[in-house]
N, C-alpha and C. Protein backbone atom coordinates (compact mmCIF):
# COMPACT_ATOMS: atom_id res chain seq x y z
N MET A 1 0.83 -1.21 0.00
CA MET A 1 0.00 0.00 0.00
C MET A 1 0.87 1.26 0.00
N PHE A 2 1.90 1.27 0.89
CA PHE A 2 2.80 2.42 0.99
C PHE A 2 3.59 2.60 -0.32
N LYS A 3 4.08 1.45 -0.86
CA LYS A 3 4.84 1.49 -2.11
C LYS A 3 3.96 1.98 -3.26
N LYS A 4 2.72 1.54 -3.27
CA LYS A 4 1.77 1.97 -4.31
C LYS A 4 1.53 3.47 -4.21
N SER A 5 1.43 3.99 -3.00
CA SER A 5 1.23 5.43 -2.78
C SER A 5 2.43 6.24 -3.27
N ILE A 6 3.64 5.74 -3.01
CA ILE A 6 4.86 6.41 -3.48
C ILE A 6 4.90 6.41 -5.00
N ASN A 7 4.61 5.25 -5.60
CA ASN A 7 4.61 5.15 -7.06
C ASN A 7 3.59 6.09 -7.68
N SER A 8 2.43 6.21 -7.05
CA SER A 8 1.38 7.10 -7.53
C SER A 8 1.84 8.56 -7.48
N LYS A 9 2.51 8.93 -6.37
CA LYS A 9 3.04 10.31 -6.25
C LYS A 9 4.11 10.57 -7.29
N LEU A 10 5.02 9.63 -7.48
CA LEU A 10 6.08 9.78 -8.49
C LEU A 10 5.49 9.94 -9.89
N GLN A 11 4.45 9.14 -10.19
CA GLN A 11 3.80 9.23 -11.50
C GLN A 11 3.15 10.60 -11.69
N LYS A 12 2.46 11.07 -10.64
CA LYS A 12 1.80 12.37 -10.71
C LYS A 12 2.82 13.48 -10.88
N ASP A 13 3.92 13.41 -10.11
CA ASP A 13 4.99 14.42 -10.21
C ASP A 13 5.59 14.42 -11.62
N HIS A 14 5.79 13.22 -12.16
CA HIS A 14 6.33 13.09 -13.52
C HIS A 14 5.41 13.79 -14.54
N GLU A 15 4.11 13.59 -14.40
CA GLU A 15 3.14 14.23 -15.30
C GLU A 15 3.21 15.75 -15.19
N ILE A 16 3.36 16.26 -13.95
CA ILE A 16 3.45 17.71 -13.74
C ILE A 16 4.73 18.25 -14.39
N LEU A 17 5.85 17.55 -14.18
CA LEU A 17 7.13 18.01 -14.74
C LEU A 17 7.10 17.98 -16.26
N CYS A 18 6.40 17.01 -16.83
CA CYS A 18 6.25 16.97 -18.29
C CYS A 18 5.37 18.12 -18.77
N GLU A 19 4.27 18.37 -18.04
CA GLU A 19 3.36 19.45 -18.42
C GLU A 19 4.08 20.80 -18.43
N TYR A 20 4.93 21.04 -17.43
CA TYR A 20 5.64 22.32 -17.33
C TYR A 20 6.96 22.31 -18.11
N ARG A 21 7.35 21.16 -18.64
CA ARG A 21 8.55 20.98 -19.46
C ARG A 21 9.82 21.45 -18.75
N VAL A 22 10.08 20.83 -17.62
CA VAL A 22 11.23 21.25 -16.82
C VAL A 22 12.37 20.23 -16.77
N TYR A 23 12.21 19.08 -17.40
CA TYR A 23 13.21 18.03 -17.25
C TYR A 23 14.61 18.42 -17.75
N ASP A 24 14.70 19.18 -18.81
CA ASP A 24 16.02 19.49 -19.38
C ASP A 24 16.56 20.85 -18.96
N ILE A 25 15.95 21.47 -17.97
CA ILE A 25 16.36 22.81 -17.57
C ILE A 25 17.49 22.74 -16.54
N VAL A 26 18.54 23.51 -16.81
CA VAL A 26 19.62 23.68 -15.85
C VAL A 26 19.55 25.13 -15.40
N VAL A 27 19.40 25.35 -14.09
CA VAL A 27 19.27 26.70 -13.56
C VAL A 27 20.66 27.33 -13.47
N PRO A 28 20.86 28.48 -14.13
CA PRO A 28 22.17 29.15 -14.03
C PRO A 28 22.43 29.63 -12.61
N ASN A 29 23.71 29.67 -12.23
CA ASN A 29 24.07 30.05 -10.87
C ASN A 29 23.52 31.41 -10.46
N ASP A 30 23.48 32.35 -11.41
CA ASP A 30 23.00 33.69 -11.06
C ASP A 30 21.48 33.76 -10.90
N MET A 31 20.80 32.63 -11.16
CA MET A 31 19.35 32.57 -10.95
C MET A 31 18.98 31.73 -9.72
N LEU A 32 19.96 31.09 -9.10
CA LEU A 32 19.66 30.18 -7.99
C LEU A 32 18.99 30.90 -6.81
N GLY A 33 19.44 32.10 -6.49
CA GLY A 33 18.81 32.86 -5.40
C GLY A 33 17.35 33.15 -5.69
N TRP A 34 17.08 33.56 -6.93
CA TRP A 34 15.71 33.83 -7.35
C TRP A 34 14.85 32.57 -7.20
N LEU A 35 15.37 31.45 -7.73
CA LEU A 35 14.60 30.21 -7.70
C LEU A 35 14.44 29.68 -6.28
N ARG A 36 15.46 29.93 -5.44
CA ARG A 36 15.32 29.56 -4.02
C ARG A 36 14.14 30.29 -3.40
N SER A 37 14.03 31.58 -3.72
CA SER A 37 12.90 32.36 -3.17
C SER A 37 11.58 31.89 -3.77
N ASP A 38 11.60 31.46 -5.04
CA ASP A 38 10.38 30.91 -5.65
C ASP A 38 9.95 29.63 -4.93
N HIS A 39 10.93 28.76 -4.65
CA HIS A 39 10.62 27.52 -3.94
C HIS A 39 10.04 27.83 -2.56
N ALA A 40 10.66 28.77 -1.85
CA ALA A 40 10.15 29.16 -0.53
C ALA A 40 8.75 29.74 -0.64
N GLY A 41 8.53 30.57 -1.67
CA GLY A 41 7.23 31.20 -1.87
C GLY A 41 6.14 30.19 -2.21
N GLU A 42 6.47 29.24 -3.06
CA GLU A 42 5.48 28.22 -3.42
C GLU A 42 5.19 27.30 -2.23
N THR A 43 6.20 27.07 -1.38
CA THR A 43 5.97 26.32 -0.15
C THR A 43 4.99 27.08 0.73
N GLY A 44 5.25 28.38 0.90
CA GLY A 44 4.34 29.21 1.70
C GLY A 44 2.94 29.23 1.14
N ALA A 45 2.83 29.30 -0.20
CA ALA A 45 1.51 29.34 -0.85
C ALA A 45 0.72 28.06 -0.59
N VAL A 46 1.39 26.92 -0.70
CA VAL A 46 0.72 25.64 -0.41
C VAL A 46 0.16 25.67 1.01
N TRP A 47 0.94 26.19 1.94
CA TRP A 47 0.51 26.20 3.34
C TRP A 47 -0.53 27.28 3.63
N ILE A 48 -0.56 28.34 2.85
CA ILE A 48 -1.66 29.32 2.98
C ILE A 48 -2.99 28.60 2.75
N TYR A 49 -3.04 27.82 1.67
CA TYR A 49 -4.29 27.15 1.32
C TYR A 49 -4.58 25.96 2.24
N LYS A 50 -3.55 25.34 2.78
CA LYS A 50 -3.79 24.28 3.78
C LYS A 50 -4.43 24.89 5.03
N GLY A 51 -3.92 26.06 5.43
CA GLY A 51 -4.50 26.75 6.58
C GLY A 51 -5.94 27.16 6.33
N ALA A 52 -6.18 27.72 5.15
CA ALA A 52 -7.54 28.18 4.81
C ALA A 52 -8.51 27.02 4.66
N ASN A 53 -7.99 25.87 4.28
CA ASN A 53 -8.85 24.70 4.10
C ASN A 53 -9.45 24.22 5.43
N LEU A 54 -8.91 24.70 6.54
CA LEU A 54 -9.45 24.35 7.85
C LEU A 54 -10.59 25.27 8.29
N ALA A 55 -10.94 26.21 7.44
CA ALA A 55 -12.02 27.16 7.77
C ALA A 55 -13.36 26.46 7.61
N PHE A 56 -13.69 25.60 8.56
CA PHE A 56 -14.91 24.79 8.48
C PHE A 56 -16.17 25.65 8.48
N TRP A 57 -16.04 26.92 8.91
CA TRP A 57 -17.18 27.82 8.97
C TRP A 57 -17.50 28.48 7.62
N SER A 58 -16.64 28.27 6.60
CA SER A 58 -16.88 28.92 5.31
C SER A 58 -16.63 27.96 4.15
N LYS A 59 -17.71 27.53 3.54
CA LYS A 59 -17.61 26.66 2.37
C LYS A 59 -16.90 27.37 1.23
N SER A 60 -17.15 28.68 1.06
CA SER A 60 -16.55 29.45 -0.04
C SER A 60 -15.03 29.52 0.10
N ILE A 61 -14.54 29.73 1.32
CA ILE A 61 -13.09 29.78 1.55
C ILE A 61 -12.47 28.43 1.24
N ARG A 62 -13.10 27.37 1.74
CA ARG A 62 -12.56 26.02 1.51
C ARG A 62 -12.54 25.67 0.03
N GLU A 63 -13.58 26.06 -0.70
CA GLU A 63 -13.63 25.76 -2.13
C GLU A 63 -12.51 26.47 -2.88
N MET A 64 -12.29 27.77 -2.55
CA MET A 64 -11.20 28.49 -3.21
C MET A 64 -9.85 27.88 -2.83
N ALA A 65 -9.71 27.52 -1.55
CA ALA A 65 -8.45 26.94 -1.08
C ALA A 65 -8.14 25.64 -1.82
N ILE A 66 -9.12 24.79 -1.96
CA ILE A 66 -8.92 23.51 -2.64
C ILE A 66 -8.58 23.74 -4.12
N GLU A 67 -9.30 24.65 -4.75
CA GLU A 67 -9.07 24.93 -6.18
C GLU A 67 -7.67 25.49 -6.41
N HIS A 68 -7.27 26.49 -5.63
CA HIS A 68 -5.97 27.13 -5.82
C HIS A 68 -4.82 26.23 -5.36
N LEU A 69 -5.08 25.40 -4.37
CA LEU A 69 -4.03 24.54 -3.81
C LEU A 69 -3.45 23.60 -4.87
N THR A 70 -4.29 23.10 -5.74
CA THR A 70 -3.81 22.18 -6.79
C THR A 70 -2.71 22.82 -7.62
N THR A 71 -2.94 24.06 -8.05
CA THR A 71 -1.94 24.76 -8.87
C THR A 71 -0.68 25.04 -8.07
N GLU A 72 -0.83 25.46 -6.82
CA GLU A 72 0.34 25.77 -5.99
C GLU A 72 1.17 24.51 -5.72
N LYS A 73 0.51 23.37 -5.55
CA LYS A 73 1.24 22.11 -5.39
C LYS A 73 2.03 21.78 -6.65
N ASN A 74 1.43 22.04 -7.81
CA ASN A 74 2.14 21.82 -9.08
C ASN A 74 3.38 22.69 -9.15
N HIS A 75 3.23 23.96 -8.77
CA HIS A 75 4.37 24.88 -8.79
C HIS A 75 5.47 24.40 -7.85
N LEU A 76 5.07 23.88 -6.70
CA LEU A 76 6.06 23.40 -5.74
C LEU A 76 6.82 22.19 -6.29
N VAL A 77 6.12 21.29 -6.97
CA VAL A 77 6.79 20.14 -7.61
C VAL A 77 7.82 20.65 -8.62
N VAL A 78 7.45 21.64 -9.39
CA VAL A 78 8.36 22.22 -10.39
C VAL A 78 9.59 22.82 -9.71
N MET A 79 9.36 23.63 -8.67
CA MET A 79 10.48 24.29 -7.98
C MET A 79 11.36 23.28 -7.25
N GLU A 80 10.76 22.20 -6.72
CA GLU A 80 11.56 21.16 -6.07
C GLU A 80 12.46 20.46 -7.08
N HIS A 81 12.01 20.37 -8.32
CA HIS A 81 12.83 19.78 -9.37
C HIS A 81 13.96 20.73 -9.79
N LEU A 82 13.64 22.01 -9.88
CA LEU A 82 14.62 23.00 -10.38
C LEU A 82 15.67 23.37 -9.34
N VAL A 83 15.30 23.35 -8.06
CA VAL A 83 16.21 23.80 -7.00
C VAL A 83 16.69 22.58 -6.21
N PRO A 84 17.98 22.24 -6.32
CA PRO A 84 18.50 21.09 -5.56
C PRO A 84 18.26 21.27 -4.06
N THR A 85 18.08 20.18 -3.36
CA THR A 85 17.81 20.22 -1.92
C THR A 85 18.83 21.08 -1.18
N SER A 86 20.09 20.96 -1.55
CA SER A 86 21.16 21.70 -0.87
C SER A 86 21.08 23.20 -1.11
N GLN A 87 20.34 23.62 -2.14
CA GLN A 87 20.24 25.04 -2.49
C GLN A 87 18.95 25.68 -2.00
N ARG A 88 18.08 24.91 -1.36
CA ARG A 88 16.79 25.44 -0.90
C ARG A 88 16.97 26.26 0.38
N SER A 89 16.00 27.10 0.65
CA SER A 89 16.05 27.92 1.86
C SER A 89 16.14 27.02 3.09
N LYS A 90 16.98 27.41 4.02
CA LYS A 90 17.14 26.67 5.27
C LYS A 90 15.99 26.98 6.24
N LEU A 91 15.11 27.89 5.85
CA LEU A 91 14.02 28.33 6.73
C LEU A 91 12.65 27.82 6.28
N ILE A 92 12.64 26.69 5.58
CA ILE A 92 11.38 26.16 5.03
C ILE A 92 10.31 26.01 6.12
N PHE A 93 10.70 25.55 7.30
CA PHE A 93 9.72 25.39 8.37
C PHE A 93 9.03 26.72 8.67
N ILE A 94 9.80 27.80 8.69
CA ILE A 94 9.24 29.13 8.97
C ILE A 94 8.27 29.54 7.87
N TRP A 95 8.62 29.28 6.59
CA TRP A 95 7.73 29.66 5.48
C TRP A 95 6.43 28.86 5.55
N LYS A 96 6.50 27.62 5.99
CA LYS A 96 5.29 26.81 6.15
C LYS A 96 4.40 27.39 7.25
N VAL A 97 5.01 27.69 8.40
CA VAL A 97 4.25 28.23 9.53
C VAL A 97 3.62 29.57 9.17
N MET A 98 4.40 30.45 8.52
CA MET A 98 3.88 31.76 8.15
C MET A 98 2.75 31.64 7.12
N GLY A 99 2.93 30.74 6.14
CA GLY A 99 1.87 30.53 5.16
C GLY A 99 0.61 30.00 5.80
N PHE A 100 0.75 28.99 6.62
CA PHE A 100 -0.40 28.41 7.31
C PHE A 100 -1.11 29.48 8.14
N GLY A 101 -0.31 30.25 8.90
CA GLY A 101 -0.89 31.30 9.75
C GLY A 101 -1.65 32.34 8.95
N LEU A 102 -1.08 32.74 7.81
CA LEU A 102 -1.73 33.75 6.97
C LEU A 102 -3.06 33.23 6.43
N GLY A 103 -3.07 32.00 5.94
CA GLY A 103 -4.30 31.43 5.40
C GLY A 103 -5.37 31.23 6.46
N PHE A 104 -4.96 30.69 7.59
CA PHE A 104 -5.92 30.40 8.66
C PHE A 104 -6.42 31.69 9.31
N PHE A 105 -5.51 32.61 9.62
CA PHE A 105 -5.87 33.85 10.30
C PHE A 105 -6.80 34.71 9.45
N SER A 106 -6.45 34.88 8.17
CA SER A 106 -7.28 35.75 7.32
C SER A 106 -8.68 35.17 7.11
N SER A 107 -8.80 33.85 7.15
CA SER A 107 -10.12 33.24 6.95
C SER A 107 -11.06 33.50 8.13
N PHE A 108 -10.50 33.81 9.30
CA PHE A 108 -11.33 34.15 10.47
C PHE A 108 -12.21 35.37 10.21
N PHE A 109 -11.75 36.25 9.35
CA PHE A 109 -12.45 37.52 9.13
C PHE A 109 -13.40 37.47 7.94
N GLY A 110 -13.62 36.28 7.42
CA GLY A 110 -14.61 36.10 6.37
C GLY A 110 -14.04 35.98 4.97
N TYR A 111 -14.93 35.62 4.08
CA TYR A 111 -14.56 35.33 2.69
C TYR A 111 -13.94 36.54 2.00
N SER A 112 -14.54 37.70 2.19
CA SER A 112 -14.04 38.89 1.51
C SER A 112 -12.61 39.21 1.95
N THR A 113 -12.35 39.12 3.27
CA THR A 113 -10.99 39.39 3.78
C THR A 113 -10.01 38.34 3.27
N PHE A 114 -10.45 37.09 3.20
CA PHE A 114 -9.58 36.04 2.65
C PHE A 114 -9.25 36.36 1.19
N CYS A 115 -10.24 36.79 0.43
CA CYS A 115 -10.00 37.14 -0.98
C CYS A 115 -9.07 38.35 -1.11
N VAL A 116 -9.22 39.33 -0.23
CA VAL A 116 -8.30 40.48 -0.21
C VAL A 116 -6.87 39.99 0.04
N THR A 117 -6.73 39.05 0.96
CA THR A 117 -5.42 38.49 1.29
C THR A 117 -4.81 37.78 0.09
N ILE A 118 -5.58 36.93 -0.56
CA ILE A 118 -5.08 36.19 -1.72
C ILE A 118 -4.74 37.16 -2.86
N ASN A 119 -5.59 38.15 -3.07
CA ASN A 119 -5.31 39.15 -4.11
C ASN A 119 -3.99 39.87 -3.82
N ALA A 120 -3.77 40.24 -2.57
CA ALA A 120 -2.53 40.94 -2.19
C ALA A 120 -1.30 40.05 -2.37
N VAL A 121 -1.41 38.80 -1.91
CA VAL A 121 -0.30 37.86 -2.05
C VAL A 121 0.03 37.64 -3.52
N GLU A 122 -1.00 37.37 -4.33
CA GLU A 122 -0.77 37.06 -5.74
C GLU A 122 -0.30 38.29 -6.54
N THR A 123 -0.71 39.48 -6.12
CA THR A 123 -0.21 40.69 -6.76
C THR A 123 1.30 40.79 -6.55
N PHE A 124 1.74 40.49 -5.33
CA PHE A 124 3.18 40.50 -5.04
C PHE A 124 3.90 39.42 -5.83
N VAL A 125 3.33 38.21 -5.86
CA VAL A 125 3.95 37.08 -6.55
C VAL A 125 4.07 37.38 -8.05
N GLU A 126 3.06 38.01 -8.62
CA GLU A 126 3.12 38.39 -10.03
C GLU A 126 4.32 39.30 -10.28
N ARG A 127 4.48 40.32 -9.45
CA ARG A 127 5.62 41.25 -9.61
C ARG A 127 6.95 40.51 -9.47
N HIS A 128 7.00 39.60 -8.50
CA HIS A 128 8.23 38.85 -8.25
C HIS A 128 8.61 38.00 -9.46
N TYR A 129 7.63 37.27 -10.01
CA TYR A 129 7.90 36.47 -11.20
C TYR A 129 8.24 37.37 -12.39
N MET A 130 7.55 38.48 -12.53
CA MET A 130 7.81 39.38 -13.67
C MET A 130 9.23 39.95 -13.62
N ASP A 131 9.76 40.21 -12.44
CA ASP A 131 11.15 40.66 -12.32
C ASP A 131 12.10 39.62 -12.90
N GLN A 132 11.84 38.35 -12.60
CA GLN A 132 12.69 37.27 -13.11
C GLN A 132 12.52 37.10 -14.61
N ILE A 133 11.28 37.19 -15.07
CA ILE A 133 10.99 37.05 -16.50
C ILE A 133 11.70 38.16 -17.28
N THR A 134 11.62 39.37 -16.77
CA THR A 134 12.29 40.51 -17.42
C THR A 134 13.79 40.29 -17.47
N MET A 135 14.37 39.82 -16.36
CA MET A 135 15.81 39.58 -16.31
C MET A 135 16.23 38.51 -17.32
N LEU A 136 15.46 37.41 -17.39
CA LEU A 136 15.80 36.35 -18.34
C LEU A 136 15.66 36.82 -19.78
N LYS A 137 14.66 37.65 -20.06
CA LYS A 137 14.50 38.19 -21.41
C LYS A 137 15.70 39.05 -21.79
N LYS A 138 16.19 39.86 -20.83
CA LYS A 138 17.36 40.70 -21.09
C LYS A 138 18.61 39.86 -21.31
N MET A 139 18.73 38.77 -20.54
CA MET A 139 19.88 37.88 -20.68
C MET A 139 19.85 37.17 -22.04
N GLY A 140 18.64 36.93 -22.55
CA GLY A 140 18.50 36.29 -23.85
C GLY A 140 18.87 34.81 -23.86
N SER A 141 18.98 34.22 -22.67
CA SER A 141 19.34 32.80 -22.61
C SER A 141 18.31 32.07 -21.75
N ASN A 142 18.47 30.76 -21.71
CA ASN A 142 17.62 29.88 -20.90
C ASN A 142 16.14 30.12 -21.15
N GLN A 143 15.78 30.01 -22.41
CA GLN A 143 14.39 30.23 -22.82
C GLN A 143 13.42 29.21 -22.24
N ASP A 144 13.93 28.00 -21.96
CA ASP A 144 13.05 26.98 -21.37
C ASP A 144 12.64 27.37 -19.95
N LEU A 145 13.60 27.89 -19.17
CA LEU A 145 13.28 28.37 -17.83
C LEU A 145 12.33 29.56 -17.91
N LEU A 146 12.57 30.42 -18.89
CA LEU A 146 11.69 31.57 -19.09
C LEU A 146 10.24 31.12 -19.31
N LYS A 147 10.05 30.11 -20.14
CA LYS A 147 8.69 29.60 -20.41
C LYS A 147 8.03 29.05 -19.15
N VAL A 148 8.81 28.38 -18.31
CA VAL A 148 8.26 27.83 -17.06
C VAL A 148 7.81 28.97 -16.15
N LEU A 149 8.65 29.99 -16.02
CA LEU A 149 8.32 31.11 -15.14
C LEU A 149 7.10 31.88 -15.68
N ILE A 150 7.00 32.01 -16.99
CA ILE A 150 5.84 32.68 -17.58
C ILE A 150 4.57 31.88 -17.27
N LYS A 151 4.63 30.56 -17.42
CA LYS A 151 3.46 29.72 -17.13
C LYS A 151 3.05 29.83 -15.65
N CYS A 152 4.03 29.75 -14.76
CA CYS A 152 3.73 29.89 -13.33
C CYS A 152 3.12 31.26 -13.04
N CYS A 153 3.70 32.30 -13.62
CA CYS A 153 3.21 33.66 -13.41
C CYS A 153 1.77 33.81 -13.90
N GLU A 154 1.48 33.28 -15.07
CA GLU A 154 0.12 33.37 -15.62
C GLU A 154 -0.89 32.68 -14.70
N GLU A 155 -0.50 31.57 -14.12
CA GLU A 155 -1.41 30.85 -13.22
C GLU A 155 -1.61 31.62 -11.92
N GLU A 156 -0.55 32.28 -11.45
CA GLU A 156 -0.70 33.12 -10.24
C GLU A 156 -1.61 34.32 -10.54
N ILE A 157 -1.49 34.87 -11.74
CA ILE A 157 -2.35 35.99 -12.13
C ILE A 157 -3.81 35.53 -12.15
N HIS A 158 -4.04 34.32 -12.61
CA HIS A 158 -5.40 33.77 -12.61
C HIS A 158 -5.96 33.72 -11.18
N HIS A 159 -5.13 33.31 -10.23
CA HIS A 159 -5.56 33.29 -8.82
C HIS A 159 -5.86 34.71 -8.33
N LYS A 160 -5.01 35.65 -8.72
CA LYS A 160 -5.21 37.05 -8.32
C LYS A 160 -6.55 37.57 -8.85
N VAL A 161 -6.80 37.33 -10.12
CA VAL A 161 -8.03 37.81 -10.75
C VAL A 161 -9.25 37.12 -10.14
N ASP A 162 -9.13 35.82 -9.88
CA ASP A 162 -10.22 35.07 -9.26
C ASP A 162 -10.56 35.66 -7.89
N ALA A 163 -9.54 35.89 -7.07
CA ALA A 163 -9.77 36.45 -5.74
C ALA A 163 -10.35 37.86 -5.84
N ARG A 164 -9.79 38.65 -6.74
CA ARG A 164 -10.24 40.04 -6.90
C ARG A 164 -11.71 40.10 -7.29
N SER A 165 -12.13 39.19 -8.15
CA SER A 165 -13.53 39.21 -8.63
C SER A 165 -14.53 38.89 -7.52
N LYS A 166 -14.04 38.30 -6.41
CA LYS A 166 -14.94 37.91 -5.33
C LYS A 166 -14.89 38.85 -4.13
N ILE A 167 -14.14 39.93 -4.26
CA ILE A 167 -14.07 40.91 -3.18
C ILE A 167 -15.27 41.84 -3.30
N LYS A 168 -15.96 42.05 -2.20
CA LYS A 168 -17.11 42.95 -2.21
C LYS A 168 -16.66 44.36 -2.58
N LYS A 169 -17.48 45.04 -3.37
CA LYS A 169 -17.18 46.42 -3.74
C LYS A 169 -17.14 47.28 -2.48
N ASN A 170 -16.27 48.27 -2.52
CA ASN A 170 -16.10 49.21 -1.40
C ASN A 170 -15.63 48.52 -0.12
N SER A 171 -14.94 47.38 -0.26
CA SER A 171 -14.48 46.70 0.95
C SER A 171 -13.01 47.01 1.27
N PHE A 172 -12.41 47.91 0.50
CA PHE A 172 -11.03 48.27 0.75
C PHE A 172 -10.95 49.47 1.68
N GLY A 173 -11.41 49.29 2.90
CA GLY A 173 -11.34 50.36 3.90
C GLY A 173 -9.92 50.49 4.43
N LEU A 174 -9.76 51.35 5.40
CA LEU A 174 -8.45 51.65 5.97
C LEU A 174 -7.79 50.41 6.57
N ILE A 175 -8.55 49.59 7.27
CA ILE A 175 -7.98 48.40 7.91
C ILE A 175 -7.50 47.41 6.85
N LYS A 176 -8.28 47.23 5.79
CA LYS A 176 -7.87 46.29 4.74
C LYS A 176 -6.66 46.81 3.97
N ARG A 177 -6.59 48.12 3.77
CA ARG A 177 -5.40 48.69 3.11
C ARG A 177 -4.17 48.50 4.00
N TRP A 178 -4.34 48.64 5.29
CA TRP A 178 -3.26 48.41 6.24
C TRP A 178 -2.83 46.95 6.18
N TRP A 179 -3.81 46.04 6.11
CA TRP A 179 -3.54 44.60 6.01
C TRP A 179 -2.77 44.28 4.73
N ILE A 180 -3.15 44.88 3.61
CA ILE A 180 -2.47 44.67 2.34
C ILE A 180 -1.01 45.13 2.44
N ASN A 181 -0.78 46.27 3.10
CA ASN A 181 0.59 46.76 3.27
C ASN A 181 1.43 45.79 4.10
N ILE A 182 0.83 45.23 5.14
CA ILE A 182 1.55 44.25 5.96
C ILE A 182 1.94 43.03 5.12
N ILE A 183 1.01 42.56 4.31
CA ILE A 183 1.28 41.40 3.45
C ILE A 183 2.42 41.72 2.48
N GLU A 184 2.36 42.91 1.88
CA GLU A 184 3.39 43.30 0.92
C GLU A 184 4.77 43.41 1.58
N ILE A 185 4.83 44.05 2.74
CA ILE A 185 6.10 44.20 3.45
C ILE A 185 6.63 42.83 3.88
N GLY A 186 5.74 42.00 4.42
CA GLY A 186 6.14 40.66 4.84
C GLY A 186 6.63 39.81 3.68
N SER A 187 5.96 39.91 2.54
CA SER A 187 6.36 39.14 1.36
C SER A 187 7.72 39.60 0.84
N GLU A 188 7.92 40.90 0.82
CA GLU A 188 9.20 41.46 0.38
C GLU A 188 10.34 41.00 1.28
N LEU A 189 10.10 41.03 2.57
CA LEU A 189 11.11 40.58 3.54
C LEU A 189 11.40 39.09 3.37
N ALA A 190 10.35 38.29 3.18
CA ALA A 190 10.52 36.85 2.99
C ALA A 190 11.36 36.55 1.75
N VAL A 191 11.13 37.29 0.67
CA VAL A 191 11.91 37.10 -0.55
C VAL A 191 13.38 37.43 -0.30
N LYS A 192 13.63 38.57 0.34
CA LYS A 192 15.02 38.98 0.60
C LYS A 192 15.75 37.94 1.44
N VAL A 193 15.07 37.43 2.46
CA VAL A 193 15.70 36.44 3.35
C VAL A 193 15.90 35.12 2.63
N SER A 194 14.85 34.62 1.94
CA SER A 194 14.94 33.31 1.30
C SER A 194 15.89 33.30 0.11
N THR A 195 16.13 34.45 -0.49
CA THR A 195 17.11 34.53 -1.58
C THR A 195 18.50 34.20 -1.05
N LYS A 196 18.76 34.61 0.19
CA LYS A 196 20.08 34.45 0.79
C LYS A 196 20.21 33.18 1.64
N VAL A 197 19.13 32.86 2.39
CA VAL A 197 19.23 31.76 3.36
C VAL A 197 18.27 30.63 3.02
C-alpha cells in the first residue's frame, strides 16, 4: 500500500514536470537565489491554502483553497525539481508556519478578507515572477526556464483575478489597506531572506 502510494506520487509528479517541461532545464548560478525564493514562496503558498482549508465555517473559503491549492502544489513540484535540496532555503519550516498562519488567520475575518489576502499575495507574486521574467529576457538565454516562469506567473495571475472578482465592492477600507501593506512588506522581507538563506 505504501509502495503503491509512493509510485502514484512519483507518477503524478512526472506528469506535472512533463506538463511544465522542466526536465532538461539547468538553472544558471546567477538565478539560484531567485529560484530559491520561488521555492520558498510556493511552499508558503501551499501552506496558505492548507491553513484556509481548515475554515470549516466557510464553504466558499474552503472551495477556493482547494481549487488554488492544486496549482500551488504543481508549482512546488516544479520548484523542487529545479532547485536542488542543498540550495533550498534553510528556513522552510518558517515559510510553512507563516503561510499556514496567513491562510488560517485571514479566513477568520470572512470570505471577503480572505479574498483580499489572496489578491494581495498574488499581486506581489506576479511582480516577483515578472522581475525574473524581465531579467531572463534581457539575458536572452535559458528560454526553457523563461517559459516555465511565464506559465507559473500566468497561473498566479489567474488566482489574483479570481480572488479580486470575489471581493465585495467598497471593501477596501483603511484596515484592509493596512492589512495589504503588511502582506506586501512581509512578502518582500521573505523574498530577501529566502534569496540568501
